[in-house]
PDB file of N, CA and C in Angstrom:
ATOM      1  N   MET A   1       0.826  -1.193   0.000  1.00  0.00           N
ATOM      2  CA  MET A   1       0.000   0.000   0.000  1.00  0.00           C
ATOM      3  C   MET A   1       0.874   1.263   0.000  1.00  0.00           C
ATOM      4  N   MET A   2       1.964   1.244   0.747  1.00  0.00           N
ATOM      5  CA  MET A   2       2.857   2.402   0.788  1.00  0.00           C
ATOM      6  C   MET A   2       3.523   2.622  -0.572  1.00  0.00           C
ATOM      7  N   LEU A   3       3.859   1.530  -1.247  1.00  0.00           N
ATOM      8  CA  LEU A   3       4.460   1.635  -2.571  1.00  0.00           C
ATOM      9  C   LEU A   3       3.477   2.247  -3.566  1.00  0.00           C
ATOM     10  N   ASP A   4       2.202   1.919  -3.424  1.00  0.00           N
ATOM     11  CA  ASP A   4       1.169   2.519  -4.277  1.00  0.00           C
ATOM     12  C   ASP A   4       1.123   4.027  -4.088  1.00  0.00           C
ATOM     13  N   LYS A   5       1.159   4.470  -2.850  1.00  0.00           N
ATOM     14  CA  LYS A   5       1.103   5.907  -2.563  1.00  0.00           C
ATOM     15  C   LYS A   5       2.348   6.622  -3.072  1.00  0.00           C
ATOM     16  N   LEU A   6       3.499   5.988  -2.912  1.00  0.00           N
ATOM     17  CA  LEU A   6       4.742   6.578  -3.417  1.00  0.00           C
ATOM     18  C   LEU A   6       4.698   6.701  -4.932  1.00  0.00           C
ATOM     19  N   ALA A   7       4.242   5.648  -5.602  1.00  0.00           N
ATOM     20  CA  ALA A   7       4.154   5.671  -7.059  1.00  0.00           C
ATOM     21  C   ALA A   7       3.169   6.740  -7.527  1.00  0.00           C
ATOM     22  N   LEU A   8       2.034   6.831  -6.883  1.00  0.00           N
ATOM     23  CA  LEU A   8       1.049   7.854  -7.267  1.00  0.00           C
ATOM     24  C   LEU A   8       1.587   9.261  -7.022  1.00  0.00           C
ATOM     25  N   THR A   9       2.350   9.445  -5.952  1.00  0.00           N
ATOM     26  CA  THR A   9       2.966  10.744  -5.680  1.00  0.00           C
ATOM     27  C   THR A   9       3.937  11.112  -6.792  1.00  0.00           C
ATOM     28  N   LEU A  10       4.748  10.147  -7.215  1.00  0.00           N
ATOM     29  CA  LEU A  10       5.683  10.410  -8.303  1.00  0.00           C
ATOM     30  C   LEU A  10       4.954  10.704  -9.615  1.00  0.00           C
ATOM     31  N   ILE A  11       3.850  10.020  -9.846  1.00  0.00           N
ATOM     32  CA  ILE A  11       3.065  10.271 -11.051  1.00  0.00           C
ATOM     33  C   ILE A  11       2.487  11.688 -11.030  1.00  0.00           C
ATOM     34  N   ILE A  12       2.016  12.124  -9.883  1.00  0.00           N
ATOM     35  CA  ILE A  12       1.482  13.489  -9.759  1.00  0.00           C
ATOM     36  C   ILE A  12       2.589  14.509  -9.998  1.00  0.00           C
ATOM     37  N   ILE A  13       3.755  14.263  -9.431  1.00  0.00           N
ATOM     38  CA  ILE A  13       4.894  15.162  -9.662  1.00  0.00           C
ATOM     39  C   ILE A  13       5.226  15.206 -11.151  1.00  0.00           C
ATOM     40  N   GLY A  14       5.247  14.042 -11.787  1.00  0.00           N
ATOM     41  CA  GLY A  14       5.516  13.984 -13.225  1.00  0.00           C
ATOM     42  C   GLY A  14       4.477  14.738 -14.031  1.00  0.00           C
ATOM     43  N   ALA A  15       3.220  14.619 -13.632  1.00  0.00           N
ATOM     44  CA  ALA A  15       2.158  15.339 -14.334  1.00  0.00           C
ATOM     45  C   ALA A  15       2.346  16.848 -14.208  1.00  0.00           C
ATOM     46  N   LEU A  16       2.733  17.306 -13.042  1.00  0.00           N
ATOM     47  CA  LEU A  16       2.972  18.736 -12.857  1.00  0.00           C
ATOM     48  C   LEU A  16       4.169  19.211 -13.673  1.00  0.00           C
ATOM     49  N   ILE A  17       5.204  18.373 -13.744  1.00  0.00           N
ATOM     50  CA  ILE A  17       6.377  18.718 -14.555  1.00  0.00           C
ATOM     51  C   ILE A  17       5.976  18.845 -16.023  1.00  0.00           C
ATOM     52  N   TRP A  18       5.237  17.852 -16.538  1.00  0.00           N
ATOM     53  CA  TRP A  18       4.803  17.901 -17.930  1.00  0.00           C
ATOM     54  C   TRP A  18       3.836  19.053 -18.169  1.00  0.00           C
ATOM     55  N   GLY A  19       3.023  19.378 -17.191  1.00  0.00           N
ATOM     56  CA  GLY A  19       2.140  20.533 -17.318  1.00  0.00           C
ATOM     57  C   GLY A  19       2.936  21.821 -17.464  1.00  0.00           C
ATOM     58  N   GLY A  20       3.993  21.942 -16.686  1.00  0.00           N
ATOM     59  CA  GLY A  20       4.863  23.113 -16.797  1.00  0.00           C
ATOM     60  C   GLY A  20       5.548  23.195 -18.145  1.00  0.00           C
ATOM     61  N   VAL A  21       5.960  22.044 -18.662  1.00  0.00           N
ATOM     62  CA  VAL A  21       6.588  22.024 -19.989  1.00  0.00           C
ATOM     63  C   VAL A  21       5.564  22.395 -21.057  1.00  0.00           C
ATOM     64  N   GLY A  22       4.386  21.836 -20.959  1.00  0.00           N
ATOM     65  CA  GLY A  22       3.361  22.088 -21.974  1.00  0.00           C
ATOM     66  C   GLY A  22       2.829  23.508 -21.957  1.00  0.00           C
ATOM     67  N   LEU A  23       2.594  24.032 -20.771  1.00  0.00           N
ATOM     68  CA  LEU A  23       1.997  25.364 -20.672  1.00  0.00           C
ATOM     69  C   LEU A  23       3.016  26.495 -20.778  1.00  0.00           C
ATOM     70  N   PHE A  24       4.173  26.305 -20.166  1.00  0.00           N
ATOM     71  CA  PHE A  24       5.124  27.406 -20.044  1.00  0.00           C
ATOM     72  C   PHE A  24       6.466  27.139 -20.710  1.00  0.00           C
ATOM     73  N   GLN A  25       6.622  25.957 -21.320  1.00  0.00           N
ATOM     74  CA  GLN A  25       7.902  25.543 -21.888  1.00  0.00           C
ATOM     75  C   GLN A  25       9.017  25.650 -20.854  1.00  0.00           C
ATOM     76  N   PHE A  26       8.705  25.233 -19.634  1.00  0.00           N
ATOM     77  CA  PHE A  26       9.657  25.320 -18.523  1.00  0.00           C
ATOM     78  C   PHE A  26       9.695  23.985 -17.787  1.00  0.00           C
ATOM     79  N   ASP A  27      10.860  23.373 -17.764  1.00  0.00           N
ATOM     80  CA  ASP A  27      11.074  22.106 -17.067  1.00  0.00           C
ATOM     81  C   ASP A  27      11.785  22.404 -15.750  1.00  0.00           C
ATOM     82  N   ILE A  28      11.025  22.386 -14.663  1.00  0.00           N
ATOM     83  CA  ILE A  28      11.588  22.763 -13.365  1.00  0.00           C
ATOM     84  C   ILE A  28      12.681  21.802 -12.904  1.00  0.00           C
ATOM     85  N   ILE A  29      12.569  20.531 -13.262  1.00  0.00           N
ATOM     86  CA  ILE A  29      13.597  19.561 -12.873  1.00  0.00           C
ATOM     87  C   ILE A  29      14.909  19.884 -13.584  1.00  0.00           C
ATOM     88  N   ALA A  30      14.846  20.130 -14.874  1.00  0.00           N
ATOM     89  CA  ALA A  30      16.050  20.498 -15.621  1.00  0.00           C
ATOM     90  C   ALA A  30      16.630  21.803 -15.086  1.00  0.00           C
ATOM     91  N   TRP A  31      15.784  22.741 -14.766  1.00  0.00           N
ATOM     92  CA  TRP A  31      16.242  24.030 -14.231  1.00  0.00           C
ATOM     93  C   TRP A  31      16.927  23.849 -12.877  1.00  0.00           C
ATOM     94  N   MET A  32      16.341  23.031 -12.017  1.00  0.00           N
ATOM     95  CA  MET A  32      16.884  22.842 -10.668  1.00  0.00           C
ATOM     96  C   MET A  32      18.198  22.073 -10.650  1.00  0.00           C
ATOM     97  N   PHE A  33      18.348  21.140 -11.581  1.00  0.00           N
ATOM     98  CA  PHE A  33      19.490  20.234 -11.490  1.00  0.00           C
ATOM     99  C   PHE A  33      20.477  20.364 -12.643  1.00  0.00           C
ATOM    100  N   GLY A  34      20.447  21.454 -13.374  1.00  0.00           N
ATOM    101  CA  GLY A  34      21.481  21.723 -14.362  1.00  0.00           C
ATOM    102  C   GLY A  34      21.241  21.157 -15.743  1.00  0.00           C
ATOM    103  N   GLY A  35      20.001  21.024 -16.139  1.00  0.00           N
ATOM    104  CA  GLY A  35      19.683  20.560 -17.487  1.00  0.00           C
ATOM    105  C   GLY A  35      19.050  19.186 -17.475  1.00  0.00           C
ATOM    106  N   SER A  36      18.396  18.862 -18.587  1.00  0.00           N
ATOM    107  CA  SER A  36      17.688  17.579 -18.655  1.00  0.00           C
ATOM    108  C   SER A  36      18.642  16.406 -18.812  1.00  0.00           C
ATOM    109  N   ALA A  37      19.884  16.663 -19.205  1.00  0.00           N
ATOM    110  CA  ALA A  37      20.860  15.586 -19.358  1.00  0.00           C
ATOM    111  C   ALA A  37      21.660  15.347 -18.079  1.00  0.00           C
ATOM    112  N   ALA A  38      21.466  16.177 -17.059  1.00  0.00           N
ATOM    113  CA  ALA A  38      22.182  15.991 -15.791  1.00  0.00           C
ATOM    114  C   ALA A  38      21.761  14.680 -15.145  1.00  0.00           C
ATOM    115  N   VAL A  39      22.674  14.081 -14.438  1.00  0.00           N
ATOM    116  CA  VAL A  39      22.425  12.768 -13.832  1.00  0.00           C
ATOM    117  C   VAL A  39      21.224  12.797 -12.893  1.00  0.00           C
ATOM    118  N   VAL A  40      21.135  13.802 -12.041  1.00  0.00           N
ATOM    119  CA  VAL A  40      20.025  13.871 -11.086  1.00  0.00           C
ATOM    120  C   VAL A  40      18.695  14.013 -11.816  1.00  0.00           C
ATOM    121  N   SER A  41      18.665  14.851 -12.838  1.00  0.00           N
ATOM    122  CA  SER A  41      17.441  15.023 -13.622  1.00  0.00           C
ATOM    123  C   SER A  41      17.026  13.706 -14.264  1.00  0.00           C
ATOM    124  N   ARG A  42      17.970  13.018 -14.842  1.00  0.00           N
ATOM    125  CA  ARG A  42      17.672  11.743 -15.494  1.00  0.00           C
ATOM    126  C   ARG A  42      17.178  10.707 -14.500  1.00  0.00           C
ATOM    127  N   VAL A  43      17.742  10.691 -13.301  1.00  0.00           N
ATOM    128  CA  VAL A  43      17.281   9.761 -12.260  1.00  0.00           C
ATOM    129  C   VAL A  43      15.829  10.056 -11.903  1.00  0.00           C
ATOM    130  N   ILE A  44      15.489  11.328 -11.752  1.00  0.00           N
ATOM    131  CA  ILE A  44      14.113  11.708 -11.426  1.00  0.00           C
ATOM    132  C   ILE A  44      13.174  11.305 -12.551  1.00  0.00           C
ATOM    133  N   TYR A  45      13.567  11.558 -13.797  1.00  0.00           N
ATOM    134  CA  TYR A  45      12.726  11.168 -14.935  1.00  0.00           C
ATOM    135  C   TYR A  45      12.506   9.660 -14.962  1.00  0.00           C
ATOM    136  N   VAL A  46      13.555   8.889 -14.685  1.00  0.00           N
ATOM    137  CA  VAL A  46      13.434   7.430 -14.691  1.00  0.00           C
ATOM    138  C   VAL A  46      12.538   6.961 -13.555  1.00  0.00           C
ATOM    139  N   LEU A  47      12.664   7.568 -12.378  1.00  0.00           N
ATOM    140  CA  LEU A  47      11.804   7.191 -11.246  1.00  0.00           C
ATOM    141  C   LEU A  47      10.332   7.457 -11.564  1.00  0.00           C
ATOM    142  N   VAL A  48      10.060   8.581 -12.191  1.00  0.00           N
ATOM    143  CA  VAL A  48       8.677   8.897 -12.568  1.00  0.00           C
ATOM    144  C   VAL A  48       8.172   7.889 -13.604  1.00  0.00           C
ATOM    145  N   ALA A  49       9.016   7.546 -14.555  1.00  0.00           N
ATOM    146  CA  ALA A  49       8.623   6.568 -15.571  1.00  0.00           C
ATOM    147  C   ALA A  49       8.364   5.195 -14.943  1.00  0.00           C
ATOM    148  N   LEU A  50       9.228   4.767 -14.032  1.00  0.00           N
ATOM    149  CA  LEU A  50       9.024   3.482 -13.352  1.00  0.00           C
ATOM    150  C   LEU A  50       7.743   3.497 -12.523  1.00  0.00           C
ATOM    151  N   ALA A  51       7.463   4.630 -11.887  1.00  0.00           N
ATOM    152  CA  ALA A  51       6.220   4.752 -11.120  1.00  0.00           C
ATOM    153  C   ALA A  51       5.014   4.624 -12.043  1.00  0.00           C
ATOM    154  N   GLY A  52       5.110   5.214 -13.228  1.00  0.00           N
ATOM    155  CA  GLY A  52       4.025   5.092 -14.199  1.00  0.00           C
ATOM    156  C   GLY A  52       3.803   3.656 -14.629  1.00  0.00           C
ATOM    157  N   LEU A  53       4.886   2.953 -14.881  1.00  0.00           N
ATOM    158  CA  LEU A  53       4.769   1.539 -15.254  1.00  0.00           C
ATOM    159  C   LEU A  53       4.191   0.720 -14.108  1.00  0.00           C
ATOM    160  N   TYR A  54       4.618   1.014 -12.891  1.00  0.00           N
ATOM    161  CA  TYR A  54       4.090   0.304 -11.727  1.00  0.00           C
ATOM    162  C   TYR A  54       2.589   0.549 -11.575  1.00  0.00           C
ATOM    163  N   CYS A  55       2.155   1.777 -11.844  1.00  0.00           N
ATOM    164  CA  CYS A  55       0.739   2.125 -11.669  1.00  0.00           C
ATOM    165  C   CYS A  55      -0.169   1.423 -12.671  1.00  0.00           C
ATOM    166  N   ILE A  56       0.394   0.878 -13.722  1.00  0.00           N
ATOM    167  CA  ILE A  56      -0.416   0.073 -14.641  1.00  0.00           C
ATOM    168  C   ILE A  56      -1.060  -1.076 -13.881  1.00  0.00           C
ATOM    169  N   SER A  57      -0.356  -1.594 -12.877  1.00  0.00           N
ATOM    170  CA  SER A  57      -0.887  -2.713 -12.093  1.00  0.00           C
ATOM    171  C   SER A  57      -2.143  -2.321 -11.317  1.00  0.00           C
ATOM    172  N   LEU A  58      -2.350  -1.047 -11.081  1.00  0.00           N
ATOM    173  CA  LEU A  58      -3.543  -0.610 -10.356  1.00  0.00           C
ATOM    174  C   LEU A  58      -4.820  -0.924 -11.138  1.00  0.00           C
ATOM    175  N   PHE A  59      -4.716  -0.935 -12.461  1.00  0.00           N
ATOM    176  CA  PHE A  59      -5.876  -1.296 -13.271  1.00  0.00           C
ATOM    177  C   PHE A  59      -6.316  -2.730 -12.997  1.00  0.00           C
ATOM    178  N   PHE A  60      -5.361  -3.591 -12.727  1.00  0.00           N
ATOM    179  CA  PHE A  60      -5.663  -5.007 -12.541  1.00  0.00           C
ATOM    180  C   PHE A  60      -5.932  -5.357 -11.082  1.00  0.00           C
ATOM    181  N   ARG A  61      -5.631  -4.448 -10.161  1.00  0.00           N
ATOM    182  CA  ARG A  61      -5.840  -4.704  -8.742  1.00  0.00           C
ATOM    183  C   ARG A  61      -7.025  -3.932  -8.186  1.00  0.00           C
ATOM    184  N   ARG A  62      -7.786  -3.278  -9.031  1.00  0.00           N
ATOM    185  CA  ARG A  62      -8.881  -2.416  -8.561  1.00  0.00           C
ATOM    186  C   ARG A  62      -9.876  -3.178  -7.688  1.00  0.00           C
ATOM    187  N   ASN A  63     -10.344  -4.316  -8.141  1.00  0.00           N
ATOM    188  CA  ASN A  63     -11.305  -5.095  -7.360  1.00  0.00           C
ATOM    189  C   ASN A  63     -10.699  -5.561  -6.042  1.00  0.00           C
ATOM    190  N   GLU A  64      -9.440  -5.930  -6.096  1.00  0.00           N
ATOM    191  CA  GLU A  64      -8.755  -6.367  -4.886  1.00  0.00           C
ATOM    192  C   GLU A  64      -8.687  -5.236  -3.863  1.00  0.00           C
ATOM    193  N   LEU A  65      -8.383  -4.017  -4.320  1.00  0.00           N
ATOM    194  CA  LEU A  65      -8.281  -2.882  -3.413  1.00  0.00           C
ATOM    195  C   LEU A  65      -9.643  -2.510  -2.844  1.00  0.00           C
ATOM    196  N   VAL A  66     -10.675  -2.538  -3.659  1.00  0.00           N
ATOM    197  CA  VAL A  66     -12.025  -2.205  -3.195  1.00  0.00           C
ATOM    198  C   VAL A  66     -12.476  -3.234  -2.167  1.00  0.00           C
ATOM    199  N   GLU A  67     -12.241  -4.505  -2.428  1.00  0.00           N
ATOM    200  CA  GLU A  67     -12.656  -5.552  -1.502  1.00  0.00           C
ATOM    201  C   GLU A  67     -11.917  -5.443  -0.175  1.00  0.00           C
ATOM    202  N   SER A  68     -10.601  -5.162  -0.208  1.00  0.00           N
ATOM    203  CA  SER A  68      -9.857  -5.053   1.040  1.00  0.00           C
ATOM    204  C   SER A  68     -10.269  -3.826   1.824  1.00  0.00           C
ATOM    205  N   HIS A  69     -10.633  -2.733   1.118  1.00  0.00           N
ATOM    206  CA  HIS A  69     -11.076  -1.518   1.792  1.00  0.00           C
ATOM    207  C   HIS A  69     -12.454  -1.721   2.427  1.00  0.00           C
ATOM    208  N   ASP A  70     -13.324  -2.486   1.779  1.00  0.00           N
ATOM    209  CA  ASP A  70     -14.656  -2.752   2.323  1.00  0.00           C
ATOM    210  C   ASP A  70     -14.605  -3.577   3.605  1.00  0.00           C
ATOM    211  N   ARG A  71     -13.581  -4.389   3.743  1.00  0.00           N
ATOM    212  CA  ARG A  71     -13.446  -5.227   4.943  1.00  0.00           C
ATOM    213  C   ARG A  71     -13.056  -4.415   6.171  1.00  0.00           C
ATOM    214  N   ASP A  72     -12.400  -3.256   5.965  1.00  0.00           N
ATOM    215  CA  ASP A  72     -11.925  -2.457   7.109  1.00  0.00           C
ATOM    216  C   ASP A  72     -13.017  -1.797   7.875  1.00  0.00           C
TER     217      ASP A  72
END
């Protein structure tokens, strides 16, 4: 459950980053860490991408999550 929340948090951060790029042509991660090719920037981009791939599993676990929440 904690991994789900972490992944969703990273996805939200990624969405805000892409929103900034789309609306303002400004990549805050690249700005903060010295460009989009900087190691730290690339690590953040990869973490967001991995979180997105992990969240695909939420589509297949929806019934499981609803059932476990109903039991509480």
